[in-house]
Amino acid sequence: MATRTLSRVMVTGGAGFIGSNFIRYLFTETEFQGTVINVDKLTYAGNPENLSDVEEEFGSRYELMVADICDHARMRHLFREHDIDTVVHFAAESHVDRSIYGPGEFIQTNIVGTFTLLEAAREAWKGRDDVLFHHVSTDEVYGSLEGEGSFREDTPYSPRSPYSASKASSDHLVRAYHHTYGLPVTISNCSNNYGPYQFPEKLIPLIILNMKDGKPLPVYGDGRNVRDWLHVKDHAAAVWAILNRGRVGETYNVGGNNEWENIAIIHLLCDLMARYTGKDAQEYRRLITFVADRPGHDRRYAIDASKIERELGWRCGIPFQEGLWDTLCWYMEHEDWVERIYRNELHNNKV
């Protein structure tokens, strides 16, 4: 394999939660000296403000292109215009609840959008082997774990929601383009991310902001569904390791080795909020409200990340309670960002 260039990097969905954290990591935590083209449709979860500091400091090497990854003509043009040599594909509809009640957007963005990017890359690269298409996916494609054990890269797929089914489909497309056309690809399947800039519909920011406002803390079912939690900065470091050292055609599972029941995380957040405000944690625990379970709610996810640890030397670096405390502080100290996010969603829903 030729040495990878990594100089003209297209990041899709780079104005979203994980994508923006990855771009910031790329510029501030690595030796990367190239250019980033951030391709984002700017749906409710995409916010250019997430990277205002990066744009200010690295503006000559960073450009936001507002575009839909399903627009084949536009994607072809961007590959040619910017001479893209690396794709980091984060762009996706990602909220399971939204997929249950409106699956169409998930099929379009996650499957058709991935297909469109693969076609544009195949046409632009024409058999080059110094390029890379990295596809970011989820542990939810593997289904639900019962009892012990963890998801491995060879665990059979068993998606249970429209979201996870759409991501499983996109994973298969990426592998097919590697095996059929020789497109240089890598895939990562990660566990639940947390950290700054996450849209407040997800569990951790939702609970933090509801506590702040004295609103109920909703808990699905009995609250004992288990997830493996990973700080978004550790995820960014894993993707960077794959871009530089990952083997073409391989999949790498990325997890925090950090399983928590949902209800236990909420109790921990109550304790941390009490530490932040000086109030009694019981004031926040009284807000816990059990609600009807999500349809098809997977019971447990757990990632075996030994492959990426062994092959690429990646390790989690942020202890969960430390990362959770920093995340809580970030949301409490960025009220203006939260308000603008909610206004942006309201605007998108009206358009």
Protein backbone atom coordinates (compact mmCIF):
# COMPACT_ATOMS: atom_id res chain seq x y z
CA MET A 1 0.00 0.00 0.00
CA ALA A 2 1.25 3.51 -0.83
CA THR A 3 1.76 6.01 1.97
CA ARG A 4 -1.49 7.80 2.69
CA THR A 5 -1.56 11.49 1.89
CA LEU A 6 -3.98 12.85 4.53
CA SER A 7 -3.68 16.38 3.21
CA ARG A 8 -7.14 17.18 1.75
CA VAL A 9 -9.61 15.66 4.19
CA MET A 10 -13.38 15.72 3.65
CA VAL A 11 -15.25 15.35 6.93
CA THR A 12 -18.97 14.76 6.44
CA GLY A 13 -21.28 15.83 9.23
CA GLY A 14 -18.46 17.90 10.67
CA ALA A 15 -20.77 20.48 12.23
CA GLY A 16 -22.43 17.82 14.38
CA PHE A 17 -21.43 16.49 17.77
CA ILE A 18 -18.79 13.88 16.97
CA GLY A 19 -17.68 15.44 13.69
CA SER A 20 -16.96 18.84 15.20
CA ASN A 21 -15.07 17.31 18.09
CA PHE A 22 -13.02 15.28 15.61
CA ILE A 23 -12.14 18.34 13.51
CA ARG A 24 -11.10 20.26 16.63
CA TYR A 25 -9.00 17.28 17.72
CA LEU A 26 -7.39 17.09 14.28
CA PHE A 27 -6.24 20.71 14.38
CA THR A 28 -5.32 21.01 18.04
CA GLU A 29 -4.15 17.57 19.19
CA THR A 30 -2.33 16.03 16.20
CA GLU A 31 0.47 16.77 13.77
CA PHE A 32 -2.01 17.18 10.90
CA GLN A 33 -0.91 19.97 8.53
CA GLY A 34 -3.49 19.60 5.79
CA THR A 35 -6.85 21.09 4.93
CA VAL A 36 -10.32 20.07 6.13
CA ILE A 37 -13.43 20.44 3.99
CA ASN A 38 -16.41 20.12 6.31
CA VAL A 39 -19.46 18.96 4.35
CA ASP A 40 -22.63 19.37 6.37
CA LYS A 41 -26.29 19.85 5.47
CA LEU A 42 -26.81 21.78 8.73
CA THR A 43 -29.90 19.94 9.89
CA TYR A 44 -31.14 20.50 13.44
CA ALA A 45 -28.07 18.69 14.88
CA GLY A 46 -25.47 20.55 12.78
CA ASN A 47 -24.23 23.89 14.06
CA PRO A 48 -21.39 25.95 12.48
CA GLU A 49 -20.90 27.60 15.88
CA ASN A 50 -19.46 24.30 17.15
CA LEU A 51 -16.29 25.12 15.20
CA SER A 52 -16.16 28.91 15.44
CA ASP A 53 -12.90 28.71 17.41
CA VAL A 54 -11.34 26.39 14.81
CA GLU A 55 -12.45 28.64 11.96
CA GLU A 56 -10.96 31.67 13.68
CA GLU A 57 -7.58 30.04 14.35
CA PHE A 58 -7.24 27.74 11.34
CA GLY A 59 -9.44 29.48 8.77
CA SER A 60 -6.92 29.17 5.96
CA ARG A 61 -7.00 25.36 6.36
CA TYR A 62 -10.68 24.87 7.21
CA GLU A 63 -13.75 25.39 5.03
CA LEU A 64 -17.41 24.63 5.68
CA MET A 65 -19.39 23.55 2.63
CA VAL A 66 -23.16 23.48 3.24
CA ALA A 67 -24.24 20.54 1.11
CA ASP A 68 -26.33 17.37 1.13
CA ILE A 69 -24.29 14.17 0.82
CA CYS A 70 -27.16 12.72 -1.25
CA ASP A 71 -26.49 15.31 -3.97
CA HIS A 72 -24.34 13.30 -6.37
CA ALA A 73 -23.43 16.20 -8.67
CA ARG A 74 -22.33 18.33 -5.73
CA MET A 75 -20.27 15.53 -4.17
CA ARG A 76 -18.52 14.82 -7.49
CA HIS A 77 -17.74 18.51 -7.83
CA LEU A 78 -16.33 18.75 -4.29
CA PHE A 79 -14.03 15.77 -4.83
CA ARG A 80 -12.66 17.34 -8.03
CA GLU A 81 -12.54 20.95 -6.81
CA HIS A 82 -10.72 20.15 -3.57
CA ASP A 83 -8.70 17.12 -4.73
CA ILE A 84 -9.95 15.10 -1.75
CA ASP A 85 -7.62 12.28 -0.64
CA THR A 86 -9.35 11.24 2.60
CA VAL A 87 -12.99 10.95 3.62
CA VAL A 88 -14.08 10.70 7.25
CA HIS A 89 -17.79 9.95 7.01
CA PHE A 90 -19.67 10.94 10.18
CA ALA A 91 -22.80 12.36 8.52
CA ALA A 92 -25.84 10.40 9.64
CA GLU A 93 -29.25 10.64 11.18
CA SER A 94 -28.50 9.08 14.55
CA HIS A 95 -31.30 9.33 17.10
CA VAL A 96 -33.10 6.01 17.56
CA ASP A 97 -36.36 7.61 18.74
CA ARG A 98 -36.52 9.79 15.64
CA SER A 99 -35.91 6.73 13.44
CA ILE A 100 -38.86 4.93 15.00
CA TYR A 101 -41.30 7.71 14.22
CA GLY A 102 -39.76 8.95 10.95
CA PRO A 103 -37.53 6.32 9.33
CA GLY A 104 -37.49 7.86 5.84
CA GLU A 105 -34.79 10.44 6.61
CA PHE A 106 -32.59 7.69 8.03
CA ILE A 107 -32.85 5.58 4.88
CA GLN A 108 -32.10 8.59 2.69
CA THR A 109 -29.15 10.04 4.61
CA ASN A 110 -27.53 6.92 6.03
CA ILE A 111 -27.91 4.59 3.04
CA VAL A 112 -28.37 6.76 -0.06
CA GLY A 113 -25.96 9.38 1.27
CA THR A 114 -23.25 6.80 1.90
CA PHE A 115 -23.81 5.29 -1.56
CA THR A 116 -23.50 8.75 -3.14
CA LEU A 117 -20.20 9.42 -1.38
CA LEU A 118 -18.81 6.02 -2.33
CA GLU A 119 -19.68 6.62 -5.97
CA ALA A 120 -18.08 10.08 -5.92
CA ALA A 121 -14.93 8.69 -4.28
CA ARG A 122 -14.72 5.76 -6.73
CA GLU A 123 -15.00 8.09 -9.71
CA ALA A 124 -12.52 10.63 -8.38
CA TRP A 125 -9.85 8.23 -7.14
CA LYS A 126 -9.87 5.79 -10.08
CA GLY A 127 -7.92 2.98 -8.43
CA ARG A 128 -5.52 5.08 -6.32
CA ASP A 129 -4.21 3.32 -3.21
CA ASP A 130 -2.84 6.39 -1.37
CA VAL A 131 -6.38 7.49 -0.42
CA LEU A 132 -8.87 6.34 2.23
CA PHE A 133 -12.62 6.31 2.81
CA HIS A 134 -13.24 5.92 6.55
CA HIS A 135 -16.82 5.13 7.55
CA VAL A 136 -17.94 5.82 11.12
CA SER A 137 -20.64 3.47 12.38
CA THR A 138 -22.22 2.25 15.60
CA ASP A 139 -22.29 -0.76 17.90
CA GLU A 140 -26.07 -0.85 17.45
CA VAL A 141 -25.67 -2.76 14.18
CA TYR A 142 -24.85 -5.85 16.27
CA GLY A 143 -28.21 -5.90 18.04
CA SER A 144 -28.71 -6.61 21.73
CA LEU A 145 -26.46 -8.57 24.07
CA GLU A 146 -27.98 -10.90 26.62
CA GLY A 147 -25.89 -11.85 29.63
CA GLU A 148 -22.11 -11.73 29.35
CA GLY A 149 -19.84 -11.07 26.41
CA SER A 150 -19.06 -8.14 24.14
CA PHE A 151 -19.41 -7.22 20.50
CA ARG A 152 -16.40 -8.17 18.38
CA GLU A 153 -15.65 -7.18 14.82
CA ASP A 154 -16.85 -10.62 13.67
CA THR A 155 -20.12 -10.51 15.65
CA PRO A 156 -23.04 -11.12 13.22
CA TYR A 157 -25.18 -8.09 12.48
CA SER A 158 -28.65 -8.02 14.00
CA PRO A 159 -30.01 -4.45 13.88
CA ARG A 160 -33.25 -3.83 15.78
CA SER A 161 -34.30 -0.26 14.86
CA PRO A 162 -34.63 1.67 11.60
CA TYR A 163 -31.56 3.65 12.68
CA SER A 164 -29.35 0.62 13.30
CA ALA A 165 -30.67 -1.11 10.16
CA SER A 166 -29.75 1.93 8.07
CA LYS A 167 -26.25 2.01 9.56
CA ALA A 168 -25.83 -1.74 9.02
CA SER A 169 -26.82 -1.21 5.37
CA SER A 170 -24.25 1.55 4.96
CA ASP A 171 -21.54 -0.64 6.55
CA HIS A 172 -22.29 -3.38 4.03
CA LEU A 173 -22.14 -0.89 1.15
CA VAL A 174 -18.73 0.34 2.24
CA ARG A 175 -17.38 -3.22 2.44
CA ALA A 176 -18.91 -4.05 -0.93
CA TYR A 177 -17.15 -1.10 -2.58
CA HIS A 178 -13.86 -2.32 -1.15
CA HIS A 179 -14.30 -5.91 -2.29
CA THR A 180 -15.92 -5.13 -5.65
CA TYR A 181 -14.06 -2.02 -6.77
CA GLY A 182 -10.93 -2.07 -4.62
CA LEU A 183 -11.86 1.22 -2.93
CA PRO A 184 -9.54 1.71 0.07
CA VAL A 185 -11.86 1.75 3.10
CA THR A 186 -11.85 1.32 6.85
CA ILE A 187 -14.84 1.12 9.21
CA SER A 188 -15.19 1.85 12.92
CA ASN A 189 -18.13 0.83 15.11
CA CYS A 190 -18.20 2.83 18.32
CA SER A 191 -20.15 2.72 21.57
CA ASN A 192 -22.19 5.61 23.02
CA ASN A 193 -20.34 8.93 22.92
CA TYR A 194 -20.66 11.76 25.41
CA GLY A 195 -19.03 15.15 25.79
CA PRO A 196 -19.47 18.81 24.74
CA TYR A 197 -21.55 19.97 21.77
CA GLN A 198 -23.95 17.00 21.83
CA PHE A 199 -27.51 17.81 20.82
CA PRO A 200 -29.67 17.81 23.98
CA GLU A 201 -31.99 15.00 22.84
CA LYS A 202 -29.39 12.40 23.91
CA LEU A 203 -29.41 10.95 27.42
CA ILE A 204 -26.55 12.75 29.18
CA PRO A 205 -27.16 16.34 28.00
CA LEU A 206 -30.93 15.84 28.32
CA ILE A 207 -30.62 14.81 31.97
CA ILE A 208 -28.16 17.63 32.76
CA LEU A 209 -30.37 20.31 31.23
CA ASN A 210 -33.59 18.93 32.73
CA MET A 211 -31.96 18.96 36.17
CA LYS A 212 -30.89 22.56 35.63
CA ASP A 213 -34.46 23.54 34.74
CA GLY A 214 -36.16 21.38 37.38
CA LYS A 215 -37.87 19.23 34.75
CA PRO A 216 -38.61 15.48 34.99
CA LEU A 217 -35.71 13.13 34.27
CA PRO A 218 -37.28 10.56 31.90
CA VAL A 219 -36.11 6.95 32.21
CA TYR A 220 -37.24 4.32 29.72
CA GLY A 221 -38.68 1.11 31.17
CA ASP A 222 -36.91 -0.04 34.33
CA GLY A 223 -33.78 2.00 33.56
CA ARG A 224 -31.55 -1.06 33.54
CA ASN A 225 -30.58 -0.98 29.88
CA VAL A 226 -26.79 -1.06 29.70
CA ARG A 227 -24.55 1.02 27.44
CA ASP A 228 -20.78 1.30 27.03
CA TRP A 229 -19.77 4.97 27.26
CA LEU A 230 -16.87 6.64 25.43
CA HIS A 231 -15.73 10.26 25.65
CA VAL A 232 -15.94 11.91 22.24
CA LYS A 233 -12.30 13.01 22.45
CA ASP A 234 -11.20 9.39 22.91
CA HIS A 235 -13.32 8.50 19.89
CA ALA A 236 -11.58 11.22 17.86
CA ALA A 237 -8.20 9.79 18.86
CA ALA A 238 -9.32 6.34 17.72
CA VAL A 239 -10.41 7.62 14.31
CA TRP A 240 -7.08 9.45 13.92
CA ALA A 241 -5.23 6.21 14.72
CA ILE A 242 -7.26 4.33 12.09
CA LEU A 243 -6.61 6.99 9.45
CA ASN A 244 -2.88 6.75 10.01
CA ARG A 245 -2.28 3.10 10.83
CA GLY A 246 -5.48 1.14 10.14
CA ARG A 247 -5.35 -1.70 7.64
CA VAL A 248 -7.39 -1.17 4.50
CA GLY A 249 -10.57 -3.24 4.44
CA GLU A 250 -10.61 -3.70 8.22
CA THR A 251 -13.21 -2.87 10.83
CA TYR A 252 -12.24 -1.60 14.28
CA ASN A 253 -14.58 -1.58 17.28
CA VAL A 254 -14.11 1.46 19.52
CA GLY A 255 -15.43 1.33 23.08
CA GLY A 256 -14.76 2.63 26.54
CA ASN A 257 -14.83 -0.67 28.44
CA ASN A 258 -17.23 1.32 30.58
CA GLU A 259 -20.67 -0.26 30.98
CA TRP A 260 -23.37 1.54 32.94
CA GLU A 261 -27.07 1.01 33.46
CA ASN A 262 -29.01 4.10 32.41
CA ILE A 263 -30.48 4.56 35.87
CA ALA A 264 -27.02 4.41 37.45
CA ILE A 265 -25.75 7.16 35.15
CA ILE A 266 -28.72 9.33 36.09
CA HIS A 267 -28.01 8.84 39.80
CA LEU A 268 -24.36 9.72 39.18
CA LEU A 269 -25.40 12.85 37.30
CA CYS A 270 -27.63 13.81 40.24
CA ASP A 271 -24.60 13.55 42.52
CA LEU A 272 -22.45 15.62 40.17
CA MET A 273 -25.13 18.28 39.78
CA ALA A 274 -25.42 18.49 43.56
CA ARG A 275 -21.65 18.99 43.71
CA TYR A 276 -21.91 21.72 41.09
CA THR A 277 -24.83 23.60 42.67
CA GLY A 278 -24.24 22.84 46.35
CA LYS A 279 -27.75 21.40 46.68
CA ASP A 280 -28.85 18.02 48.03
CA ALA A 281 -28.69 15.28 45.38
CA GLN A 282 -32.12 14.08 46.54
CA GLU A 283 -33.61 17.26 45.05
CA TYR A 284 -32.57 15.99 41.66
CA ARG A 285 -33.37 12.32 42.29
CA ARG A 286 -36.96 13.29 43.02
CA LEU A 287 -37.20 14.38 39.38
CA ILE A 288 -36.56 10.84 38.08
CA THR A 289 -39.64 9.71 36.15
CA PHE A 290 -40.03 6.24 34.64
CA VAL A 291 -41.79 6.29 31.26
CA ALA A 292 -43.02 3.66 28.81
CA ASP A 293 -40.13 1.83 27.21
CA ARG A 294 -38.96 2.61 23.68
CA PRO A 295 -40.24 0.08 21.08
CA GLY A 296 -37.60 -2.59 20.45
CA HIS A 297 -35.27 -1.15 23.09
CA ASP A 298 -32.00 -3.13 23.05
CA ARG A 299 -31.07 -4.35 26.52
CA ARG A 300 -27.30 -4.21 26.50
CA TYR A 301 -24.39 -3.11 24.33
CA ALA A 302 -20.73 -3.76 25.14
CA ILE A 303 -17.67 -3.35 22.92
CA ASP A 304 -14.56 -5.48 22.79
CA ALA A 305 -11.96 -2.92 21.66
CA SER A 306 -8.97 -5.25 21.94
CA LYS A 307 -8.29 -5.20 18.17
CA ILE A 308 -7.72 -1.45 17.92
CA GLU A 309 -5.75 -1.54 21.16
CA ARG A 310 -3.55 -4.38 19.96
CA GLU A 311 -3.04 -3.31 16.35
CA LEU A 312 -3.01 0.48 16.58
CA GLY A 313 -2.03 1.17 20.18
CA TRP A 314 -5.17 3.16 20.95
CA ARG A 315 -6.42 3.33 24.55
CA CYS A 316 -9.16 5.29 26.30
CA GLY A 317 -7.59 8.18 28.15
CA ILE A 318 -10.46 9.95 29.94
CA PRO A 319 -11.89 8.34 33.12
CA PHE A 320 -15.69 8.30 32.96
CA GLN A 321 -16.48 10.26 36.12
CA GLU A 322 -13.91 12.91 35.22
CA GLY A 323 -15.27 13.19 31.68
CA LEU A 324 -18.85 13.29 32.93
CA TRP A 325 -18.03 16.08 35.40
CA ASP A 326 -16.35 18.11 32.65
CA THR A 327 -19.35 17.52 30.38
CA LEU A 328 -21.82 18.67 33.04
CA CYS A 329 -19.75 21.80 33.67
CA TRP A 330 -19.62 22.52 29.94
CA TYR A 331 -23.40 22.42 29.54
CA MET A 332 -23.99 24.47 32.66
CA GLU A 333 -21.56 27.11 31.42
CA HIS A 334 -22.83 27.26 27.81
CA GLU A 335 -26.47 28.23 28.24
CA ASP A 336 -26.34 30.54 25.21
CA TRP A 337 -25.19 27.65 23.00
CA VAL A 338 -28.06 25.47 24.27
CA GLU A 339 -30.63 28.20 23.64
CA ARG A 340 -29.37 28.74 20.10
CA ILE A 341 -29.47 24.99 19.44
CA TYR A 342 -33.13 24.85 20.48
CA ARG A 343 -33.95 27.87 18.30
CA ASN A 344 -32.19 26.23 15.36
CA GLU A 345 -34.27 23.05 15.80
CA LEU A 346 -37.47 25.09 15.98
CA HIS A 347 -36.49 26.88 12.77
CA ASN A 348 -35.69 23.61 10.98
CA ASN A 349 -39.02 22.10 12.02
CA LYS A 350 -40.88 25.10 10.56
CA VAL A 351 -39.00 25.14 7.26
